[in-house]
N, C-alpha and C. Protein backbone atom coordinates (compact mmCIF):
# COMPACT_ATOMS: atom_id res chain seq x y z
N MET A 1 111.48 28.63 -88.02
CA MET A 1 111.58 29.83 -88.43
C MET A 1 110.11 30.74 -88.43
N LEU A 2 110.01 31.97 -88.00
CA LEU A 2 108.94 32.59 -88.05
C LEU A 2 108.83 33.24 -89.42
N PRO A 3 107.55 33.46 -90.13
CA PRO A 3 107.26 34.31 -91.39
C PRO A 3 108.22 35.36 -91.56
N ASN A 4 108.37 36.19 -90.46
CA ASN A 4 109.25 37.42 -90.67
C ASN A 4 110.55 37.24 -90.85
N GLN A 5 111.05 36.15 -90.19
CA GLN A 5 112.42 35.84 -90.20
C GLN A 5 113.01 35.45 -91.55
N ILE A 6 111.70 34.52 -92.25
CA ILE A 6 111.91 33.91 -93.52
C ILE A 6 112.28 35.14 -94.56
N ALA A 7 111.41 36.15 -94.21
CA ALA A 7 111.20 37.35 -95.13
C ALA A 7 112.76 38.16 -95.23
N GLU A 8 113.04 38.54 -93.93
CA GLU A 8 114.27 38.99 -93.73
C GLU A 8 115.45 38.11 -94.41
N ASP A 9 115.38 36.75 -94.21
CA ASP A 9 116.60 36.13 -94.99
C ASP A 9 116.45 36.31 -96.25
N ARG A 10 115.58 36.31 -96.78
CA ARG A 10 115.14 36.51 -98.29
C ARG A 10 115.88 37.98 -98.92
N MET A 11 115.65 38.87 -98.05
CA MET A 11 116.02 40.30 -98.50
C MET A 11 117.32 40.59 -98.34
N ASN A 12 118.36 39.71 -97.84
CA ASN A 12 119.70 39.75 -97.58
C ASN A 12 120.27 39.55 -99.27
N PRO A 13 121.31 40.50 -99.54
CA PRO A 13 121.77 40.37 -100.73
C PRO A 13 122.45 39.10 -100.98
N LEU A 14 122.64 38.60 -102.26
CA LEU A 14 123.65 37.46 -102.48
C LEU A 14 125.13 37.90 -101.99
N PRO A 15 125.83 36.81 -101.69
CA PRO A 15 127.16 37.17 -101.44
C PRO A 15 127.76 37.34 -102.53
N GLU A 16 129.10 38.07 -102.64
CA GLU A 16 129.79 38.49 -103.93
C GLU A 16 130.50 37.15 -104.27
N ASP A 17 130.58 36.21 -103.58
CA ASP A 17 131.26 34.95 -103.91
C ASP A 17 130.13 34.03 -104.89
N VAL A 18 128.97 34.40 -104.87
CA VAL A 18 128.03 33.73 -105.62
C VAL A 18 127.88 34.49 -107.13
N TYR A 19 128.23 35.56 -107.16
CA TYR A 19 127.98 36.42 -108.41
C TYR A 19 129.17 37.38 -108.61
N LYS A 20 129.30 37.95 -109.79
CA LYS A 20 130.32 39.04 -109.84
C LYS A 20 129.79 40.27 -110.25
N ARG A 21 130.10 41.27 -109.86
CA ARG A 21 129.45 42.55 -109.75
C ARG A 21 130.50 43.37 -110.73
N PHE A 22 129.90 43.87 -111.91
CA PHE A 22 130.68 44.50 -112.75
C PHE A 22 129.94 45.64 -113.22
N ILE A 23 130.69 46.85 -113.61
CA ILE A 23 130.18 48.00 -114.01
C ILE A 23 130.77 48.60 -114.93
N ARG A 24 130.24 49.46 -115.62
CA ARG A 24 130.78 50.38 -116.78
C ARG A 24 130.17 51.85 -116.54
N LYS A 25 130.98 52.65 -116.43
CA LYS A 25 130.66 54.27 -116.20
C LYS A 25 130.25 54.64 -117.55
N VAL A 26 129.08 55.14 -117.38
CA VAL A 26 128.65 56.07 -118.94
C VAL A 26 128.17 57.29 -118.47
N ASP A 27 127.61 58.00 -119.14
CA ASP A 27 127.35 59.31 -119.17
C ASP A 27 126.42 59.63 -118.00
N ARG A 28 126.42 60.71 -117.38
CA ARG A 28 125.29 61.09 -116.70
C ARG A 28 123.97 61.62 -117.24
N GLY A 29 122.96 61.34 -116.72
CA GLY A 29 121.54 61.25 -117.46
C GLY A 29 121.15 60.12 -118.21
N THR A 30 121.95 59.00 -117.96
CA THR A 30 121.59 57.75 -118.88
C THR A 30 120.51 57.14 -118.08
N ASN A 31 119.35 56.73 -118.76
CA ASN A 31 118.37 56.16 -117.73
C ASN A 31 117.66 55.15 -118.66
N LEU A 32 118.09 54.56 -119.64
CA LEU A 32 117.81 53.24 -120.62
C LEU A 32 119.19 52.79 -121.06
N ILE A 33 118.80 51.32 -121.10
CA ILE A 33 120.06 50.45 -121.21
C ILE A 33 119.24 49.47 -121.99
N LEU A 34 120.05 48.73 -123.06
CA LEU A 34 119.32 47.61 -123.78
C LEU A 34 120.51 47.00 -124.32
N THR A 35 120.52 45.64 -124.82
CA THR A 35 121.38 45.04 -125.14
C THR A 35 120.76 44.17 -126.35
N SER A 36 121.55 43.94 -127.51
CA SER A 36 121.04 43.30 -128.75
C SER A 36 121.63 41.83 -128.65
N LEU A 37 120.87 40.86 -128.63
CA LEU A 37 121.31 39.47 -128.88
C LEU A 37 122.08 39.09 -130.10
N LEU A 38 121.40 39.92 -131.23
CA LEU A 38 121.87 39.72 -132.74
C LEU A 38 123.22 40.57 -132.71
N SER A 39 123.80 41.64 -132.01
CA SER A 39 124.72 42.33 -132.35
C SER A 39 125.92 42.46 -131.35
N ASN A 40 125.38 41.86 -130.02
CA ASN A 40 126.44 41.86 -128.97
C ASN A 40 126.84 43.32 -128.40
N LYS A 41 126.09 44.22 -128.62
CA LYS A 41 126.35 45.40 -128.35
C LYS A 41 125.53 46.14 -127.10
N VAL A 42 125.98 47.15 -126.39
CA VAL A 42 125.08 47.81 -125.52
C VAL A 42 124.63 49.10 -125.71
N PHE A 43 123.50 49.43 -125.80
CA PHE A 43 123.08 50.78 -126.25
C PHE A 43 122.56 51.57 -125.07
N VAL A 44 122.85 52.77 -124.41
CA VAL A 44 122.22 53.41 -123.70
C VAL A 44 121.95 54.99 -124.24
N SER A 45 120.75 55.27 -123.60
CA SER A 45 120.25 56.52 -124.01
C SER A 45 119.62 57.36 -122.79
N GLY A 46 119.40 58.50 -122.85
CA GLY A 46 118.89 59.25 -121.61
C GLY A 46 118.28 60.48 -122.15
N GLU A 47 118.92 61.63 -121.19
CA GLU A 47 118.19 63.07 -121.45
C GLU A 47 118.89 63.79 -122.74
N ASP A 48 120.08 63.19 -123.20
CA ASP A 48 120.55 63.84 -124.35
C ASP A 48 119.94 63.36 -125.54
N LYS A 49 120.24 63.78 -126.68
CA LYS A 49 119.49 63.60 -127.95
C LYS A 49 120.32 62.28 -128.71
N TYR A 50 121.23 61.61 -127.94
CA TYR A 50 121.78 60.31 -128.74
C TYR A 50 121.49 59.20 -128.18
N LEU A 51 121.58 58.06 -129.13
CA LEU A 51 121.71 56.61 -128.73
C LEU A 51 123.21 56.43 -128.77
N LYS A 52 123.50 55.89 -127.56
CA LYS A 52 125.20 55.58 -127.46
C LYS A 52 125.40 54.06 -127.39
N GLN A 53 126.32 53.69 -128.34
CA GLN A 53 126.66 51.97 -128.30
C GLN A 53 128.00 51.96 -127.86
N TYR A 54 127.92 51.04 -127.11
CA TYR A 54 129.39 50.52 -126.42
C TYR A 54 129.74 49.13 -127.00
N ASP A 55 130.61 48.60 -127.37
CA ASP A 55 131.00 47.32 -127.91
C ASP A 55 131.67 46.33 -126.52
N LEU A 56 131.88 47.03 -125.59
CA LEU A 56 132.27 46.30 -124.51
C LEU A 56 131.40 46.25 -123.46
N PHE A 57 131.06 45.19 -122.89
CA PHE A 57 130.30 44.89 -121.81
C PHE A 57 130.93 45.40 -120.49
N PRO A 58 130.03 45.78 -119.54
CA PRO A 58 130.71 46.18 -118.32
C PRO A 58 131.64 45.10 -117.57
N THR A 59 133.12 45.25 -117.46
CA THR A 59 133.90 44.35 -116.94
C THR A 59 134.50 44.96 -115.71
N ASP A 60 134.41 46.23 -115.36
CA ASP A 60 135.26 46.96 -114.11
C ASP A 60 134.70 46.28 -112.85
N ASN A 61 135.47 46.22 -112.09
CA ASN A 61 135.23 45.63 -110.78
C ASN A 61 134.42 46.94 -110.07
N TYR A 62 133.53 46.57 -109.37
CA TYR A 62 132.50 47.86 -108.91
C TYR A 62 133.36 48.50 -107.59
N HIS A 63 133.99 47.85 -107.08
CA HIS A 63 134.81 48.43 -105.72
C HIS A 63 136.09 49.31 -106.40
N ALA A 64 136.61 48.84 -107.53
CA ALA A 64 137.87 49.57 -108.00
C ALA A 64 137.59 50.74 -109.07
N VAL A 65 136.46 51.12 -109.16
CA VAL A 65 135.76 52.06 -110.16
C VAL A 65 136.42 53.77 -109.28
N ASP A 66 136.94 54.27 -110.13
CA ASP A 66 137.30 55.68 -109.47
C ASP A 66 136.28 56.70 -110.21
N TRP A 67 135.25 56.89 -109.37
CA TRP A 67 134.25 57.79 -109.78
C TRP A 67 134.50 59.40 -109.99
N ARG A 68 135.76 59.72 -109.78
CA ARG A 68 136.20 61.00 -110.05
C ARG A 68 136.74 61.21 -111.63
N LYS A 69 137.19 59.93 -112.16
CA LYS A 69 137.52 59.87 -113.79
C LYS A 69 136.10 60.13 -114.33
N PRO A 70 136.37 60.61 -115.74
CA PRO A 70 135.29 60.50 -116.73
C PRO A 70 134.91 59.25 -117.09
N ALA A 71 133.70 59.30 -117.66
CA ALA A 71 133.39 58.03 -118.19
C ALA A 71 133.98 57.61 -119.48
N ILE A 72 134.03 56.44 -119.84
CA ILE A 72 134.75 56.13 -121.02
C ILE A 72 133.62 56.54 -122.36
N GLN A 73 134.32 56.77 -123.43
CA GLN A 73 133.40 57.49 -124.54
C GLN A 73 132.93 56.14 -125.35
N PRO A 74 131.69 56.53 -125.72
CA PRO A 74 131.13 55.30 -126.46
C PRO A 74 131.75 54.96 -128.01
N ASN A 75 131.40 53.97 -128.42
CA ASN A 75 132.16 53.61 -129.62
C ASN A 75 131.47 54.36 -130.70
N GLU A 76 130.11 54.49 -130.65
CA GLU A 76 129.31 55.39 -131.51
C GLU A 76 128.28 56.03 -131.01
N GLU A 77 127.89 57.28 -131.36
CA GLU A 77 126.59 57.94 -131.24
C GLU A 77 125.96 58.11 -132.30
N TYR A 78 124.28 57.98 -132.20
CA TYR A 78 123.75 58.11 -133.36
C TYR A 78 122.31 59.31 -132.86
N PRO A 79 121.97 59.99 -133.77
CA PRO A 79 120.81 60.96 -133.46
C PRO A 79 119.83 59.96 -133.06
N SER A 80 118.85 60.56 -132.14
CA SER A 80 117.94 59.89 -131.67
C SER A 80 116.82 60.97 -131.18
N HIS A 81 116.35 60.72 -130.11
CA HIS A 81 115.02 61.82 -129.78
C HIS A 81 115.65 63.14 -129.32
N GLY A 82 114.96 64.03 -129.80
CA GLY A 82 115.31 65.53 -129.64
C GLY A 82 115.59 65.99 -128.16
N ILE A 83 114.47 65.52 -127.31
CA ILE A 83 114.54 66.07 -125.91
C ILE A 83 114.40 64.70 -124.94
N GLY A 84 114.93 63.66 -125.24
CA GLY A 84 114.96 62.69 -124.18
C GLY A 84 114.21 61.31 -124.63
N THR A 85 115.06 60.29 -124.50
CA THR A 85 114.22 58.96 -124.87
C THR A 85 113.54 58.46 -123.44
N THR A 86 112.11 58.11 -123.50
CA THR A 86 111.52 57.59 -122.42
C THR A 86 111.26 56.34 -122.12
N CYS A 87 111.25 55.44 -123.46
CA CYS A 87 111.10 53.93 -123.30
C CYS A 87 111.74 53.29 -124.60
N VAL A 88 111.97 52.05 -124.45
CA VAL A 88 112.67 51.41 -125.46
C VAL A 88 111.99 49.70 -125.38
N THR A 89 112.12 49.20 -126.75
CA THR A 89 111.73 47.62 -126.61
C THR A 89 112.35 47.18 -127.87
N PHE A 90 112.04 45.81 -128.02
CA PHE A 90 112.40 45.07 -129.23
C PHE A 90 111.19 44.52 -129.83
N ASN A 91 111.31 44.20 -131.07
CA ASN A 91 110.11 43.76 -131.79
C ASN A 91 110.26 42.20 -131.39
N TYR A 92 109.05 41.23 -131.72
CA TYR A 92 109.04 39.98 -131.49
C TYR A 92 110.41 39.16 -131.88
N ASP A 93 110.77 39.36 -133.20
CA ASP A 93 111.85 38.48 -133.60
C ASP A 93 113.37 39.24 -133.44
N LEU A 94 113.46 40.24 -132.66
CA LEU A 94 114.46 41.25 -132.28
C LEU A 94 115.24 41.75 -133.22
N LYS A 95 114.58 41.89 -134.52
CA LYS A 95 115.20 42.61 -135.61
C LYS A 95 115.01 44.10 -135.54
N LYS A 96 114.07 44.56 -134.78
CA LYS A 96 113.84 46.11 -134.71
C LYS A 96 113.91 46.59 -133.28
N MET A 97 114.70 47.66 -133.21
CA MET A 97 114.76 48.18 -131.68
C MET A 97 113.86 49.77 -131.96
N ILE A 98 112.85 49.58 -130.96
CA ILE A 98 111.77 50.82 -131.11
C ILE A 98 112.03 51.52 -129.91
N THR A 99 112.28 52.93 -130.03
CA THR A 99 112.17 53.76 -128.87
C THR A 99 111.35 54.93 -128.99
N GLY A 100 110.80 55.33 -127.73
CA GLY A 100 109.92 56.44 -127.88
C GLY A 100 110.33 57.45 -126.86
N GLY A 101 110.08 58.84 -127.35
CA GLY A 101 110.69 60.09 -126.65
C GLY A 101 109.56 61.07 -126.28
N LYS A 102 110.16 62.04 -125.57
CA LYS A 102 109.41 63.05 -124.94
C LYS A 102 108.91 64.04 -126.17
N ASP A 103 109.74 63.80 -127.23
CA ASP A 103 109.29 64.55 -128.49
C ASP A 103 108.20 64.06 -129.16
N GLY A 104 107.61 62.80 -128.71
CA GLY A 104 106.42 62.20 -129.44
C GLY A 104 106.85 61.27 -130.59
N LEU A 105 107.97 61.18 -130.90
CA LEU A 105 108.47 60.25 -131.91
C LEU A 105 108.61 58.98 -131.64
N LEU A 106 108.23 57.91 -132.46
CA LEU A 106 108.40 56.43 -132.04
C LEU A 106 109.63 56.27 -133.32
N ILE A 107 110.69 55.54 -133.02
CA ILE A 107 111.79 55.41 -133.81
C ILE A 107 111.90 54.08 -133.92
N SER A 108 112.03 53.48 -135.05
CA SER A 108 112.51 52.11 -135.38
C SER A 108 113.66 51.82 -136.10
N ARG A 109 114.38 51.04 -135.50
CA ARG A 109 115.90 50.59 -136.21
C ARG A 109 116.16 49.47 -136.20
N SER A 110 117.01 49.09 -137.17
CA SER A 110 117.63 47.64 -137.06
C SER A 110 118.63 47.56 -136.29
N PRO A 111 118.86 46.54 -135.25
CA PRO A 111 120.30 46.50 -134.43
C PRO A 111 121.50 46.45 -135.21
N ASP A 112 121.41 45.74 -136.59
CA ASP A 112 122.32 45.42 -137.42
C ASP A 112 122.91 46.79 -138.29
N SER A 113 121.76 47.55 -138.41
CA SER A 113 122.21 49.24 -139.22
C SER A 113 121.46 50.10 -138.38
N ILE A 114 121.97 50.60 -137.21
CA ILE A 114 121.51 51.52 -136.54
C ILE A 114 121.27 52.96 -137.02
N LYS A 115 121.96 53.34 -138.05
CA LYS A 115 122.00 54.61 -138.60
C LYS A 115 120.54 54.72 -139.46
N LYS A 116 120.24 53.66 -140.00
CA LYS A 116 118.91 53.73 -140.77
C LYS A 116 117.83 53.58 -139.87
N ILE A 117 116.93 54.77 -139.90
CA ILE A 117 115.79 55.04 -138.87
C ILE A 117 114.48 55.20 -139.87
N LYS A 118 113.47 54.74 -139.12
CA LYS A 118 112.00 55.06 -139.50
C LYS A 118 111.34 55.80 -138.53
N ASP A 119 110.89 56.70 -138.70
CA ASP A 119 110.18 57.43 -137.45
C ASP A 119 108.70 57.72 -137.72
N TYR A 120 108.05 57.92 -136.79
CA TYR A 120 106.61 57.86 -136.72
C TYR A 120 106.27 59.05 -135.63
N GLN A 121 105.78 60.10 -135.88
CA GLN A 121 105.22 61.12 -135.01
C GLN A 121 103.77 60.88 -134.49
N VAL A 122 103.55 59.97 -133.42
CA VAL A 122 102.33 59.76 -132.76
C VAL A 122 102.11 60.53 -131.74
N TYR A 123 102.64 61.33 -131.03
CA TYR A 123 102.22 62.26 -129.93
C TYR A 123 103.01 63.63 -130.11
N SER A 124 102.43 64.64 -129.46
CA SER A 124 103.01 65.93 -129.66
C SER A 124 103.94 66.14 -128.38
N VAL A 125 104.72 67.22 -128.77
CA VAL A 125 105.67 67.48 -127.50
C VAL A 125 104.89 68.20 -126.39
N VAL A 126 103.84 68.75 -126.79
CA VAL A 126 102.89 69.60 -125.83
C VAL A 126 102.18 68.37 -124.92
N SER A 127 101.91 66.90 -125.35
CA SER A 127 101.48 66.11 -124.42
C SER A 127 102.39 65.51 -123.75
N GLU A 128 103.72 65.91 -123.83
CA GLU A 128 104.76 65.28 -123.03
C GLU A 128 105.51 64.05 -123.65
N GLY A 129 104.80 63.52 -125.12
CA GLY A 129 105.34 62.47 -125.89
C GLY A 129 104.88 61.35 -125.26
N ILE A 130 105.81 60.06 -125.40
CA ILE A 130 105.67 58.82 -125.24
C ILE A 130 106.02 58.32 -123.86
N SER A 131 105.28 57.64 -123.29
CA SER A 131 105.38 57.17 -122.10
C SER A 131 105.99 55.61 -122.03
N ALA A 132 105.46 54.70 -122.94
CA ALA A 132 105.74 53.26 -122.73
C ALA A 132 105.41 52.96 -124.40
N VAL A 133 106.05 51.58 -124.84
CA VAL A 133 105.87 51.08 -125.96
C VAL A 133 105.88 49.69 -125.94
N SER A 134 105.32 48.86 -126.37
CA SER A 134 105.31 47.31 -126.76
C SER A 134 105.05 47.03 -128.19
N VAL A 135 105.69 45.91 -128.57
CA VAL A 135 105.35 45.43 -129.99
C VAL A 135 105.01 43.96 -130.00
N ASP A 136 103.95 43.82 -130.50
CA ASP A 136 103.50 42.28 -130.90
C ASP A 136 104.12 41.70 -131.81
N GLU A 137 103.80 40.27 -131.89
CA GLU A 137 104.42 39.50 -133.05
C GLU A 137 104.12 39.76 -134.39
N HIS A 138 102.87 40.44 -134.71
CA HIS A 138 102.39 40.92 -136.03
C HIS A 138 102.73 42.18 -136.50
N GLY A 139 103.78 42.73 -135.56
CA GLY A 139 104.14 44.21 -136.08
C GLY A 139 103.77 45.29 -135.50
N PHE A 140 102.68 45.26 -134.75
CA PHE A 140 101.85 46.39 -134.27
C PHE A 140 102.64 46.87 -133.16
N ALA A 141 103.01 48.46 -133.11
CA ALA A 141 103.42 48.74 -131.78
C ALA A 141 102.09 49.36 -130.90
N TYR A 142 102.05 49.30 -129.75
CA TYR A 142 101.17 49.90 -128.72
C TYR A 142 101.88 50.70 -128.14
N VAL A 143 101.55 52.16 -128.28
CA VAL A 143 102.40 53.24 -127.76
C VAL A 143 101.28 54.06 -126.80
N ALA A 144 101.94 54.18 -125.36
CA ALA A 144 101.12 55.04 -124.67
C ALA A 144 101.66 56.33 -124.51
N GLY A 145 100.86 57.22 -124.33
CA GLY A 145 101.11 58.78 -124.18
C GLY A 145 100.94 59.13 -122.50
N PHE A 146 101.71 60.15 -122.36
CA PHE A 146 101.67 60.68 -121.11
C PHE A 146 100.42 61.12 -120.82
N ASP A 147 99.42 61.63 -121.84
CA ASP A 147 98.35 62.02 -121.69
C ASP A 147 97.17 61.06 -121.45
N GLY A 148 97.56 59.84 -121.35
CA GLY A 148 96.61 58.80 -120.90
C GLY A 148 95.88 57.84 -121.90
N SER A 149 96.56 58.32 -123.13
CA SER A 149 95.91 57.51 -124.43
C SER A 149 96.76 56.44 -124.91
N ILE A 150 96.20 55.50 -125.85
CA ILE A 150 97.13 54.63 -126.30
C ILE A 150 96.95 54.73 -127.92
N PHE A 151 98.08 54.66 -128.63
CA PHE A 151 97.97 54.59 -130.16
C PHE A 151 98.68 53.37 -130.59
N VAL A 152 97.91 52.72 -131.54
CA VAL A 152 98.28 51.39 -132.27
C VAL A 152 98.78 51.84 -133.60
N ILE A 153 99.91 51.39 -134.01
CA ILE A 153 100.65 51.59 -135.31
C ILE A 153 101.30 50.28 -135.86
N SER A 154 101.08 50.09 -137.07
CA SER A 154 101.79 49.02 -137.86
C SER A 154 103.17 49.65 -138.31
N LEU A 155 104.13 48.89 -137.65
CA LEU A 155 105.69 49.31 -137.96
C LEU A 155 106.02 48.57 -139.29
N GLU A 156 105.12 47.69 -139.83
CA GLU A 156 105.71 47.03 -141.23
C GLU A 156 105.34 47.85 -142.38
N ASN A 157 104.58 49.07 -142.39
CA ASN A 157 104.08 49.85 -143.53
C ASN A 157 104.96 51.19 -143.43
C-alpha cells in the first residue's frame, strides 16, 4: 500500500457493529458536557445561565431520534454563569468542578453538592471573561482570559 492509501484507510469511520452510537437530545446552545466519576451524572452547560444535570446517560439509538420532538428536561438546573459558560474542568482528585464564563467568574462546586458554590471574580465582562481553565494537584487554578492574560488563584482559600 502507498502512504496515501494507508491514510485514507485510517480516515474511514469504524463500522457500527464495532461500537454503539448513542445520543441524548439536550437544549440548543449547549456547548459543554462533563461527567463526574464520583456522582455518575452528566452535566451540560452553554449559552444560557444554567448548569443542567441529567441522571441518564445517552441511551437513544442515533438513527431512531426524532429531531422534531423537544429535548428531554434535565433532572436539575443550577444557577451558573450569567452570560454563558466557556470552559470547564475538574481538580486533581475530581472533588471540585470548576467552570469559567463570559462574565469573568470562576465557579468551584463539589460534584456531590452542586448547589453549594464558591465563586471568584477574576476577569471582567468587558474583557470577554474566561477562555480556559486548568487546575493542578496543589489546588491552584490557571485561568486564561480572552484578553491574552493568565491569572493564577488558589482554590483552597
